[in-house]
Amino acid sequence: MRTLTNLVTGRLKWFDRHIDWRDKAVLDLGCAGGFMADAVANGGAERTGINLAAESISAARTHSKSHDFANIFDVVVGEARLYTDARFDAVACVDVLEQVADLAKIL
């Protein structure tokens, strides 16, 4: 988890060049411990994180609460399309695509 946390700053610098997070609804697909979701929270985004692993979601919820972020985290397979179309303004997806069962469906 420490490695993932340390990568957030560099990744966020790249994302920040392409999007203003303020008032955006952002899906963190494959959120792991919720580190990207927490990072975009600092930019003013409404964040939702999903992950297949219940343990990751539990860690994300704990981490988010300890930092007073109101993130939403759900245990779900990304291909399941739990949310309605046009629900999110942006999707963050890092270190995930190599692990999905149906890449076309995720994209």
PDB file of N, CA and C in Angstrom:
ATOM      1  N   MET A   1       0.817  -1.193   0.000  1.00  0.00           N
ATOM      2  CA  MET A   1       0.000   0.000   0.000  1.00  0.00           C
ATOM      3  C   MET A   1       0.865   1.263   0.000  1.00  0.00           C
ATOM      4  N   ARG A   2       2.004   1.203   0.672  1.00  0.00           N
ATOM      5  CA  ARG A   2       2.883   2.377   0.727  1.00  0.00           C
ATOM      6  C   ARG A   2       3.338   2.777  -0.672  1.00  0.00           C
ATOM      7  N   THR A   3       3.659   1.788  -1.505  1.00  0.00           N
ATOM      8  CA  THR A   3       4.085   2.080  -2.869  1.00  0.00           C
ATOM      9  C   THR A   3       2.981   2.781  -3.639  1.00  0.00           C
ATOM     10  N   LEU A   4       1.751   2.291  -3.531  1.00  0.00           N
ATOM     11  CA  LEU A   4       0.628   2.931  -4.213  1.00  0.00           C
ATOM     12  C   LEU A   4       0.430   4.359  -3.731  1.00  0.00           C
ATOM     13  N   THR A   5       0.551   4.568  -2.444  1.00  0.00           N
ATOM     14  CA  THR A   5       0.410   5.905  -1.878  1.00  0.00           C
ATOM     15  C   THR A   5       1.482   6.835  -2.444  1.00  0.00           C
ATOM     16  N   ASN A   6       2.703   6.349  -2.540  1.00  0.00           N
ATOM     17  CA  ASN A   6       3.804   7.177  -3.028  1.00  0.00           C
ATOM     18  C   ASN A   6       3.659   7.533  -4.506  1.00  0.00           C
ATOM     19  N   LEU A   7       2.953   6.740  -5.276  1.00  0.00           N
ATOM     20  CA  LEU A   7       2.762   7.009  -6.698  1.00  0.00           C
ATOM     21  C   LEU A   7       1.690   8.057  -6.976  1.00  0.00           C
ATOM     22  N   VAL A   8       0.844   8.325  -6.021  1.00  0.00           N
ATOM     23  CA  VAL A   8      -0.293   9.224  -6.234  1.00  0.00           C
ATOM     24  C   VAL A   8       0.152  10.620  -6.644  1.00  0.00           C
ATOM     25  N   THR A   9       1.148  11.179  -5.998  1.00  0.00           N
ATOM     26  CA  THR A   9       1.566  12.547  -6.286  1.00  0.00           C
ATOM     27  C   THR A   9       1.943  12.718  -7.755  1.00  0.00           C
ATOM     28  N   GLY A  10       2.765  11.825  -8.272  1.00  0.00           N
ATOM     29  CA  GLY A  10       3.169  11.906  -9.670  1.00  0.00           C
ATOM     30  C   GLY A  10       2.003  11.707 -10.618  1.00  0.00           C
ATOM     31  N   ARG A  11       1.147  10.773 -10.308  1.00  0.00           N
ATOM     32  CA  ARG A  11      -0.019  10.525 -11.148  1.00  0.00           C
ATOM     33  C   ARG A  11      -0.960  11.716 -11.136  1.00  0.00           C
ATOM     34  N   LEU A  12      -1.140  12.295  -9.980  1.00  0.00           N
ATOM     35  CA  LEU A  12      -2.042  13.437  -9.860  1.00  0.00           C
ATOM     36  C   LEU A  12      -1.514  14.628 -10.662  1.00  0.00           C
ATOM     37  N   LYS A  13      -0.215  14.818 -10.696  1.00  0.00           N
ATOM     38  CA  LYS A  13       0.356  15.900 -11.506  1.00  0.00           C
ATOM     39  C   LYS A  13      -0.028  15.733 -12.972  1.00  0.00           C
ATOM     40  N   TRP A  14       0.004  14.497 -13.459  1.00  0.00           N
ATOM     41  CA  TRP A  14      -0.389  14.244 -14.849  1.00  0.00           C
ATOM     42  C   TRP A  14      -1.880  14.520 -15.032  1.00  0.00           C
ATOM     43  N   PHE A  15      -2.708  13.964 -14.163  1.00  0.00           N
ATOM     44  CA  PHE A  15      -4.157  14.174 -14.267  1.00  0.00           C
ATOM     45  C   PHE A  15      -4.514  15.653 -14.159  1.00  0.00           C
ATOM     46  N   ASP A  16      -3.862  16.369 -13.256  1.00  0.00           N
ATOM     47  CA  ASP A  16      -4.175  17.784 -13.030  1.00  0.00           C
ATOM     48  C   ASP A  16      -3.952  18.633 -14.281  1.00  0.00           C
ATOM     49  N   ARG A  17      -3.078  18.200 -15.172  1.00  0.00           N
ATOM     50  CA  ARG A  17      -2.863  18.939 -16.425  1.00  0.00           C
ATOM     51  C   ARG A  17      -4.043  18.776 -17.375  1.00  0.00           C
ATOM     52  N   HIS A  18      -4.889  17.783 -17.129  1.00  0.00           N
ATOM     53  CA  HIS A  18      -5.966  17.461 -18.062  1.00  0.00           C
ATOM     54  C   HIS A  18      -7.372  17.716 -17.520  1.00  0.00           C
ATOM     55  N   ILE A  19      -7.483  17.928 -16.220  1.00  0.00           N
ATOM     56  CA  ILE A  19      -8.825  18.109 -15.652  1.00  0.00           C
ATOM     57  C   ILE A  19      -8.780  19.001 -14.414  1.00  0.00           C
ATOM     58  N   ASP A  20      -9.800  19.819 -14.297  1.00  0.00           N
ATOM     59  CA  ASP A  20     -10.033  20.593 -13.080  1.00  0.00           C
ATOM     60  C   ASP A  20     -11.027  19.777 -12.267  1.00  0.00           C
ATOM     61  N   TRP A  21     -10.609  19.282 -11.116  1.00  0.00           N
ATOM     62  CA  TRP A  21     -11.419  18.363 -10.321  1.00  0.00           C
ATOM     63  C   TRP A  21     -12.624  19.023  -9.671  1.00  0.00           C
ATOM     64  N   ARG A  22     -12.577  20.333  -9.502  1.00  0.00           N
ATOM     65  CA  ARG A  22     -13.635  21.042  -8.773  1.00  0.00           C
ATOM     66  C   ARG A  22     -15.027  20.708  -9.310  1.00  0.00           C
ATOM     67  N   ASP A  23     -15.876  20.254  -8.406  1.00  0.00           N
ATOM     68  CA  ASP A  23     -17.283  19.969  -8.706  1.00  0.00           C
ATOM     69  C   ASP A  23     -17.494  18.890  -9.767  1.00  0.00           C
ATOM     70  N   LYS A  24     -16.500  18.042  -9.967  1.00  0.00           N
ATOM     71  CA  LYS A  24     -16.629  16.939 -10.909  1.00  0.00           C
ATOM     72  C   LYS A  24     -16.973  15.664 -10.147  1.00  0.00           C
ATOM     73  N   ALA A  25     -17.776  14.822 -10.769  1.00  0.00           N
ATOM     74  CA  ALA A  25     -18.051  13.484 -10.237  1.00  0.00           C
ATOM     75  C   ALA A  25     -17.020  12.548 -10.858  1.00  0.00           C
ATOM     76  N   VAL A  26     -16.201  11.914 -10.020  1.00  0.00           N
ATOM     77  CA  VAL A  26     -15.090  11.103 -10.503  1.00  0.00           C
ATOM     78  C   VAL A  26     -15.232   9.666 -10.001  1.00  0.00           C
ATOM     79  N   LEU A  27     -15.090   8.719 -10.912  1.00  0.00           N
ATOM     80  CA  LEU A  27     -15.061   7.304 -10.572  1.00  0.00           C
ATOM     81  C   LEU A  27     -13.609   6.849 -10.551  1.00  0.00           C
ATOM     82  N   ASP A  28     -13.186   6.282  -9.446  1.00  0.00           N
ATOM     83  CA  ASP A  28     -11.855   5.675  -9.341  1.00  0.00           C
ATOM     84  C   ASP A  28     -12.054   4.181  -9.523  1.00  0.00           C
ATOM     85  N   LEU A  29     -11.846   3.705 -10.743  1.00  0.00           N
ATOM     86  CA  LEU A  29     -12.093   2.310 -11.103  1.00  0.00           C
ATOM     87  C   LEU A  29     -10.886   1.476 -10.697  1.00  0.00           C
ATOM     88  N   GLY A  30     -11.087   0.549  -9.782  1.00  0.00           N
ATOM     89  CA  GLY A  30      -9.982  -0.237  -9.232  1.00  0.00           C
ATOM     90  C   GLY A  30      -9.239   0.576  -8.186  1.00  0.00           C
ATOM     91  N   CYS A  31      -9.979   1.098  -7.234  1.00  0.00           N
ATOM     92  CA  CYS A  31      -9.488   2.121  -6.312  1.00  0.00           C
ATOM     93  C   CYS A  31      -8.494   1.637  -5.263  1.00  0.00           C
ATOM     94  N   ALA A  32      -8.312   0.331  -5.137  1.00  0.00           N
ATOM     95  CA  ALA A  32      -7.409  -0.202  -4.099  1.00  0.00           C
ATOM     96  C   ALA A  32      -7.750   0.423  -2.751  1.00  0.00           C
ATOM     97  N   GLY A  33      -6.785   1.058  -2.110  1.00  0.00           N
ATOM     98  CA  GLY A  33      -7.005   1.654  -0.790  1.00  0.00           C
ATOM     99  C   GLY A  33      -7.627   3.038  -0.820  1.00  0.00           C
ATOM    100  N   GLY A  34      -8.035   3.515  -1.995  1.00  0.00           N
ATOM    101  CA  GLY A  34      -8.716   4.800  -2.100  1.00  0.00           C
ATOM    102  C   GLY A  34      -7.807   6.010  -2.181  1.00  0.00           C
ATOM    103  N   PHE A  35      -6.536   5.795  -2.509  1.00  0.00           N
ATOM    104  CA  PHE A  35      -5.576   6.892  -2.476  1.00  0.00           C
ATOM    105  C   PHE A  35      -5.828   7.936  -3.556  1.00  0.00           C
ATOM    106  N   MET A  36      -6.179   7.514  -4.768  1.00  0.00           N
ATOM    107  CA  MET A  36      -6.498   8.479  -5.827  1.00  0.00           C
ATOM    108  C   MET A  36      -7.798   9.199  -5.500  1.00  0.00           C
ATOM    109  N   ALA A  37      -8.769   8.472  -4.973  1.00  0.00           N
ATOM    110  CA  ALA A  37     -10.039   9.102  -4.597  1.00  0.00           C
ATOM    111  C   ALA A  37      -9.801  10.203  -3.563  1.00  0.00           C
ATOM    112  N   ASP A  38      -8.948   9.930  -2.604  1.00  0.00           N
ATOM    113  CA  ASP A  38      -8.636  10.942  -1.598  1.00  0.00           C
ATOM    114  C   ASP A  38      -7.895  12.118  -2.213  1.00  0.00           C
ATOM    115  N   ALA A  39      -7.013  11.841  -3.164  1.00  0.00           N
ATOM    116  CA  ALA A  39      -6.250  12.913  -3.802  1.00  0.00           C
ATOM    117  C   ALA A  39      -7.154  13.847  -4.597  1.00  0.00           C
ATOM    118  N   VAL A  40      -8.118  13.302  -5.334  1.00  0.00           N
ATOM    119  CA  VAL A  40      -9.006  14.183  -6.095  1.00  0.00           C
ATOM    120  C   VAL A  40      -9.992  14.890  -5.173  1.00  0.00           C
ATOM    121  N   ALA A  41     -10.195  14.340  -3.993  1.00  0.00           N
ATOM    122  CA  ALA A  41     -11.029  15.032  -2.998  1.00  0.00           C
ATOM    123  C   ALA A  41     -10.405  16.368  -2.634  1.00  0.00           C
ATOM    124  N   ASN A  42      -9.087  16.405  -2.569  1.00  0.00           N
ATOM    125  CA  ASN A  42      -8.405  17.661  -2.275  1.00  0.00           C
ATOM    126  C   ASN A  42      -8.630  18.698  -3.364  1.00  0.00           C
ATOM    127  N   GLY A  43      -8.936  18.236  -4.578  1.00  0.00           N
ATOM    128  CA  GLY A  43      -9.215  19.139  -5.686  1.00  0.00           C
ATOM    129  C   GLY A  43     -10.669  19.537  -5.782  1.00  0.00           C
ATOM    130  N   GLY A  44     -11.493  19.032  -4.873  1.00  0.00           N
ATOM    131  CA  GLY A  44     -12.902  19.418  -4.840  1.00  0.00           C
ATOM    132  C   GLY A  44     -13.848  18.501  -5.579  1.00  0.00           C
ATOM    133  N   ALA A  45     -13.412  17.300  -5.914  1.00  0.00           N
ATOM    134  CA  ALA A  45     -14.260  16.369  -6.655  1.00  0.00           C
ATOM    135  C   ALA A  45     -15.144  15.551  -5.720  1.00  0.00           C
ATOM    136  N   GLU A  46     -16.274  15.137  -6.251  1.00  0.00           N
ATOM    137  CA  GLU A  46     -17.123  14.125  -5.600  1.00  0.00           C
ATOM    138  C   GLU A  46     -16.601  12.795  -6.103  1.00  0.00           C
ATOM    139  N   ARG A  47     -16.191  11.932  -5.210  1.00  0.00           N
ATOM    140  CA  ARG A  47     -15.526  10.722  -5.642  1.00  0.00           C
ATOM    141  C   ARG A  47     -16.244   9.445  -5.241  1.00  0.00           C
ATOM    142  N   THR A  48     -16.137   8.488  -6.163  1.00  0.00           N
ATOM    143  CA  THR A  48     -16.643   7.149  -5.926  1.00  0.00           C
ATOM    144  C   THR A  48     -15.544   6.181  -6.338  1.00  0.00           C
ATOM    145  N   GLY A  49     -15.237   5.234  -5.483  1.00  0.00           N
ATOM    146  CA  GLY A  49     -14.223   4.236  -5.801  1.00  0.00           C
ATOM    147  C   GLY A  49     -14.845   2.854  -5.831  1.00  0.00           C
ATOM    148  N   ILE A  50     -14.434   2.066  -6.815  1.00  0.00           N
ATOM    149  CA  ILE A  50     -14.902   0.685  -6.878  1.00  0.00           C
ATOM    150  C   ILE A  50     -13.702  -0.243  -6.982  1.00  0.00           C
ATOM    151  N   ASN A  51     -13.871  -1.426  -6.419  1.00  0.00           N
ATOM    152  CA  ASN A  51     -12.832  -2.445  -6.472  1.00  0.00           C
ATOM    153  C   ASN A  51     -13.497  -3.789  -6.276  1.00  0.00           C
ATOM    154  N   LEU A  52     -12.915  -4.795  -6.877  1.00  0.00           N
ATOM    155  CA  LEU A  52     -13.418  -6.161  -6.751  1.00  0.00           C
ATOM    156  C   LEU A  52     -13.144  -6.742  -5.373  1.00  0.00           C
ATOM    157  N   ALA A  53     -12.051  -6.334  -4.745  1.00  0.00           N
ATOM    158  CA  ALA A  53     -11.624  -6.906  -3.466  1.00  0.00           C
ATOM    159  C   ALA A  53     -12.272  -6.191  -2.284  1.00  0.00           C
ATOM    160  N   ALA A  54     -13.058  -6.913  -1.524  1.00  0.00           N
ATOM    161  CA  ALA A  54     -13.724  -6.341  -0.348  1.00  0.00           C
ATOM    162  C   ALA A  54     -12.710  -5.796   0.657  1.00  0.00           C
ATOM    163  N   GLU A  55     -11.550  -6.446   0.766  1.00  0.00           N
ATOM    164  CA  GLU A  55     -10.519  -5.979   1.702  1.00  0.00           C
ATOM    165  C   GLU A  55     -10.007  -4.605   1.304  1.00  0.00           C
ATOM    166  N   SER A  56      -9.845  -4.375   0.005  1.00  0.00           N
ATOM    167  CA  SER A  56      -9.402  -3.063  -0.474  1.00  0.00           C
ATOM    168  C   SER A  56     -10.438  -1.991  -0.180  1.00  0.00           C
ATOM    169  N   ILE A  57     -11.696  -2.327  -0.395  1.00  0.00           N
ATOM    170  CA  ILE A  57     -12.766  -1.363  -0.128  1.00  0.00           C
ATOM    171  C   ILE A  57     -12.821  -1.044   1.355  1.00  0.00           C
ATOM    172  N   SER A  58     -12.665  -2.042   2.195  1.00  0.00           N
ATOM    173  CA  SER A  58     -12.645  -1.815   3.640  1.00  0.00           C
ATOM    174  C   SER A  58     -11.493  -0.875   4.020  1.00  0.00           C
ATOM    175  N   ALA A  59     -10.320  -1.112   3.452  1.00  0.00           N
ATOM    176  CA  ALA A  59      -9.162  -0.241   3.721  1.00  0.00           C
ATOM    177  C   ALA A  59      -9.424   1.166   3.209  1.00  0.00           C
ATOM    178  N   ALA A  60     -10.030   1.282   2.034  1.00  0.00           N
ATOM    179  CA  ALA A  60     -10.333   2.603   1.466  1.00  0.00           C
ATOM    180  C   ALA A  60     -11.305   3.373   2.352  1.00  0.00           C
ATOM    181  N   ARG A  61     -12.326   2.687   2.827  1.00  0.00           N
ATOM    182  CA  ARG A  61     -13.299   3.355   3.702  1.00  0.00           C
ATOM    183  C   ARG A  61     -12.644   3.827   4.997  1.00  0.00           C
ATOM    184  N   THR A  62     -11.812   2.985   5.578  1.00  0.00           N
ATOM    185  CA  THR A  62     -11.113   3.348   6.817  1.00  0.00           C
ATOM    186  C   THR A  62     -10.186   4.532   6.587  1.00  0.00           C
ATOM    187  N   HIS A  63      -9.406   4.471   5.517  1.00  0.00           N
ATOM    188  CA  HIS A  63      -8.469   5.546   5.197  1.00  0.00           C
ATOM    189  C   HIS A  63      -9.217   6.851   4.941  1.00  0.00           C
ATOM    190  N   SER A  64     -10.293   6.782   4.190  1.00  0.00           N
ATOM    191  CA  SER A  64     -11.067   7.971   3.850  1.00  0.00           C
ATOM    192  C   SER A  64     -11.656   8.628   5.097  1.00  0.00           C
ATOM    193  N   LYS A  65     -12.219   7.815   5.981  1.00  0.00           N
ATOM    194  CA  LYS A  65     -12.801   8.351   7.218  1.00  0.00           C
ATOM    195  C   LYS A  65     -11.744   9.003   8.094  1.00  0.00           C
ATOM    196  N   SER A  66     -10.552   8.422   8.125  1.00  0.00           N
ATOM    197  CA  SER A  66      -9.494   8.979   8.967  1.00  0.00           C
ATOM    198  C   SER A  66      -9.000  10.326   8.449  1.00  0.00           C
ATOM    199  N   HIS A  67      -9.308  10.634   7.170  1.00  0.00           N
ATOM    200  CA  HIS A  67      -8.918  11.919   6.584  1.00  0.00           C
ATOM    201  C   HIS A  67     -10.124  12.832   6.359  1.00  0.00           C
ATOM    202  N   ASP A  68     -11.267  12.453   6.912  1.00  0.00           N
ATOM    203  CA  ASP A  68     -12.490  13.255   6.813  1.00  0.00           C
ATOM    204  C   ASP A  68     -12.965  13.503   5.381  1.00  0.00           C
ATOM    205  N   PHE A  69     -12.743  12.541   4.484  1.00  0.00           N
ATOM    206  CA  PHE A  69     -13.270  12.642   3.132  1.00  0.00           C
ATOM    207  C   PHE A  69     -14.576  11.864   3.056  1.00  0.00           C
ATOM    208  N   ALA A  70     -15.515  12.364   2.319  1.00  0.00           N
ATOM    209  CA  ALA A  70     -16.814  11.704   2.173  1.00  0.00           C
ATOM    210  C   ALA A  70     -16.859  10.917   0.865  1.00  0.00           C
ATOM    211  N   ASN A  71     -15.908  10.039   0.667  1.00  0.00           N
ATOM    212  CA  ASN A  71     -15.884   9.201  -0.526  1.00  0.00           C
ATOM    213  C   ASN A  71     -16.920   8.088  -0.408  1.00  0.00           C
ATOM    214  N   ILE A  72     -17.359   7.606  -1.552  1.00  0.00           N
ATOM    215  CA  ILE A  72     -18.252   6.453  -1.620  1.00  0.00           C
ATOM    216  C   ILE A  72     -17.434   5.306  -2.190  1.00  0.00           C
ATOM    217  N   PHE A  73     -17.442   4.152  -1.528  1.00  0.00           N
ATOM    218  CA  PHE A  73     -16.695   2.997  -2.015  1.00  0.00           C
ATOM    219  C   PHE A  73     -17.632   1.800  -2.110  1.00  0.00           C
ATOM    220  N   ASP A  74     -17.571   1.102  -3.248  1.00  0.00           N
ATOM    221  CA  ASP A  74     -18.410  -0.071  -3.468  1.00  0.00           C
ATOM    222  C   ASP A  74     -17.571  -1.252  -3.929  1.00  0.00           C
ATOM    223  N   VAL A  75     -17.931  -2.444  -3.449  1.00  0.00           N
ATOM    224  CA  VAL A  75     -17.322  -3.673  -3.919  1.00  0.00           C
ATOM    225  C   VAL A  75     -18.088  -4.088  -5.164  1.00  0.00           C
ATOM    226  N   VAL A  76     -17.434  -3.982  -6.302  1.00  0.00           N
ATOM    227  CA  VAL A  76     -18.096  -4.315  -7.563  1.00  0.00           C
ATOM    228  C   VAL A  76     -17.038  -4.580  -8.635  1.00  0.00           C
ATOM    229  N   VAL A  77     -17.349  -5.445  -9.565  1.00  0.00           N
ATOM    230  CA  VAL A  77     -16.506  -5.681 -10.735  1.00  0.00           C
ATOM    231  C   VAL A  77     -16.748  -4.525 -11.698  1.00  0.00           C
ATOM    232  N   GLY A  78     -15.691  -3.939 -12.212  1.00  0.00           N
ATOM    233  CA  GLY A  78     -15.814  -2.780 -13.096  1.00  0.00           C
ATOM    234  C   GLY A  78     -16.723  -3.006 -14.284  1.00  0.00           C
ATOM    235  N   GLU A  79     -16.717  -4.212 -14.832  1.00  0.00           N
ATOM    236  CA  GLU A  79     -17.556  -4.515 -15.993  1.00  0.00           C
ATOM    237  C   GLU A  79     -19.046  -4.554 -15.671  1.00  0.00           C
ATOM    238  N   ALA A  80     -19.400  -4.547 -14.404  1.00  0.00           N
ATOM    239  CA  ALA A  80     -20.795  -4.699 -14.004  1.00  0.00           C
ATOM    240  C   ALA A  80     -21.654  -3.478 -14.323  1.00  0.00           C
ATOM    241  N   ARG A  81     -21.029  -2.329 -14.536  1.00  0.00           N
ATOM    242  CA  ARG A  81     -21.762  -1.093 -14.843  1.00  0.00           C
ATOM    243  C   ARG A  81     -22.844  -0.829 -13.803  1.00  0.00           C
ATOM    244  N   LEU A  82     -22.416  -0.714 -12.580  1.00  0.00           N
ATOM    245  CA  LEU A  82     -23.301  -0.470 -11.448  1.00  0.00           C
ATOM    246  C   LEU A  82     -23.991   0.889 -11.539  1.00  0.00           C
ATOM    247  N   TYR A  83     -23.357   1.838 -12.189  1.00  0.00           N
ATOM    248  CA  TYR A  83     -23.859   3.215 -12.217  1.00  0.00           C
ATOM    249  C   TYR A  83     -24.466   3.548 -13.576  1.00  0.00           C
ATOM    250  N   THR A  84     -25.337   4.537 -13.586  1.00  0.00           N
ATOM    251  CA  THR A  84     -26.000   4.942 -14.823  1.00  0.00           C
ATOM    252  C   THR A  84     -25.035   5.684 -15.744  1.00  0.00           C
ATOM    253  N   ASP A  85     -25.325   5.672 -17.023  1.00  0.00           N
ATOM    254  CA  ASP A  85     -24.521   6.408 -17.994  1.00  0.00           C
ATOM    255  C   ASP A  85     -24.516   7.888 -17.634  1.00  0.00           C
ATOM    256  N   ALA A  86     -23.419   8.532 -17.918  1.00  0.00           N
ATOM    257  CA  ALA A  86     -23.242   9.970 -17.684  1.00  0.00           C
ATOM    258  C   ALA A  86     -23.270  10.346 -16.209  1.00  0.00           C
ATOM    259  N   ARG A  87     -23.091   9.401 -15.319  1.00  0.00           N
ATOM    260  CA  ARG A  87     -23.049   9.682 -13.882  1.00  0.00           C
ATOM    261  C   ARG A  87     -21.761  10.394 -13.488  1.00  0.00           C
ATOM    262  N   PHE A  88     -20.671  10.088 -14.224  1.00  0.00           N
ATOM    263  CA  PHE A  88     -19.363  10.625 -13.869  1.00  0.00           C
ATOM    264  C   PHE A  88     -18.829  11.544 -14.960  1.00  0.00           C
ATOM    265  N   ASP A  89     -18.116  12.578 -14.522  1.00  0.00           N
ATOM    266  CA  ASP A  89     -17.446  13.485 -15.456  1.00  0.00           C
ATOM    267  C   ASP A  89     -16.098  12.928 -15.889  1.00  0.00           C
ATOM    268  N   ALA A  90     -15.487  12.107 -15.044  1.00  0.00           N
ATOM    269  CA  ALA A  90     -14.166  11.548 -15.333  1.00  0.00           C
ATOM    270  C   ALA A  90     -14.015  10.200 -14.641  1.00  0.00           C
ATOM    271  N   VAL A  91     -13.139   9.377 -15.205  1.00  0.00           N
ATOM    272  CA  VAL A  91     -12.807   8.088 -14.612  1.00  0.00           C
ATOM    273  C   VAL A  91     -11.288   8.013 -14.469  1.00  0.00           C
ATOM    274  N   ALA A  92     -10.839   7.733 -13.258  1.00  0.00           N
ATOM    275  CA  ALA A  92      -9.418   7.466 -13.012  1.00  0.00           C
ATOM    276  C   ALA A  92      -9.264   5.955 -12.941  1.00  0.00           C
ATOM    277  N   CYS A  93      -8.297   5.443 -13.664  1.00  0.00           N
ATOM    278  CA  CYS A  93      -8.096   3.992 -13.710  1.00  0.00           C
ATOM    279  C   CYS A  93      -6.601   3.743 -13.831  1.00  0.00           C
ATOM    280  N   VAL A  94      -5.956   3.459 -12.711  1.00  0.00           N
ATOM    281  CA  VAL A  94      -4.509   3.236 -12.720  1.00  0.00           C
ATOM    282  C   VAL A  94      -4.188   1.847 -12.169  1.00  0.00           C
ATOM    283  N   ASP A  95      -3.251   1.182 -12.835  1.00  0.00           N
ATOM    284  CA  ASP A  95      -2.822  -0.164 -12.436  1.00  0.00           C
ATOM    285  C   ASP A  95      -3.970  -1.167 -12.421  1.00  0.00           C
ATOM    286  N   VAL A  96      -4.877  -1.053 -13.372  1.00  0.00           N
ATOM    287  CA  VAL A  96      -6.069  -1.896 -13.365  1.00  0.00           C
ATOM    288  C   VAL A  96      -6.282  -2.635 -14.683  1.00  0.00           C
ATOM    289  N   LEU A  97      -6.084  -1.964 -15.795  1.00  0.00           N
ATOM    290  CA  LEU A  97      -6.485  -2.523 -17.087  1.00  0.00           C
ATOM    291  C   LEU A  97      -5.846  -3.866 -17.399  1.00  0.00           C
ATOM    292  N   GLU A  98      -4.651  -4.111 -16.885  1.00  0.00           N
ATOM    293  CA  GLU A  98      -3.995  -5.401 -17.129  1.00  0.00           C
ATOM    294  C   GLU A  98      -4.650  -6.529 -16.336  1.00  0.00           C
ATOM    295  N   GLN A  99      -5.578  -6.201 -15.458  1.00  0.00           N
ATOM    296  CA  GLN A  99      -6.200  -7.220 -14.608  1.00  0.00           C
ATOM    297  C   GLN A  99      -7.671  -7.497 -14.920  1.00  0.00           C
ATOM    298  N   VAL A 100      -8.253  -6.737 -15.833  1.00  0.00           N
ATOM    299  CA  VAL A 100      -9.693  -6.897 -16.084  1.00  0.00           C
ATOM    300  C   VAL A 100      -9.976  -8.077 -16.988  1.00  0.00           C
ATOM    301  N   ALA A 101     -11.166  -8.623 -16.866  1.00  0.00           N
ATOM    302  CA  ALA A 101     -11.566  -9.781 -17.676  1.00  0.00           C
ATOM    303  C   ALA A 101     -12.001  -9.362 -19.077  1.00  0.00           C
ATOM    304  N   ASP A 102     -12.609  -8.184 -19.207  1.00  0.00           N
ATOM    305  CA  ASP A 102     -13.146  -7.745 -20.496  1.00  0.00           C
ATOM    306  C   ASP A 102     -12.726  -6.296 -20.725  1.00  0.00           C
ATOM    307  N   LEU A 103     -11.579  -6.097 -21.354  1.00  0.00           N
ATOM    308  CA  LEU A 103     -11.016  -4.762 -21.554  1.00  0.00           C
ATOM    309  C   LEU A 103     -11.960  -3.858 -22.352  1.00  0.00           C
ATOM    310  N   ALA A 104     -12.570  -4.389 -23.404  1.00  0.00           N
ATOM    311  CA  ALA A 104     -13.478  -3.584 -24.217  1.00  0.00           C
ATOM    312  C   ALA A 104     -14.658  -3.059 -23.405  1.00  0.00           C
ATOM    313  N   LYS A 105     -15.172  -3.882 -22.525  1.00  0.00           N
ATOM    314  CA  LYS A 105     -16.305  -3.475 -21.702  1.00  0.00           C
ATOM    315  C   LYS A 105     -15.897  -2.385 -20.711  1.00  0.00           C
ATOM    316  N   ILE A 106     -14.720  -2.510 -20.130  1.00  0.00           N
ATOM    317  CA  ILE A 106     -14.218  -1.490 -19.205  1.00  0.00           C
ATOM    318  C   ILE A 106     -14.037  -0.167 -19.904  1.00  0.00           C
ATOM    319  N   LEU A 107     -13.403  -0.211 -21.072  1.00  0.00           N
ATOM    320  CA  LEU A 107     -13.163   1.028 -21.822  1.00  0.00           C
ATOM    321  C   LEU A 107     -14.451   1.655 -22.256  1.00  0.00           C
TER     322      LEU A 107
END
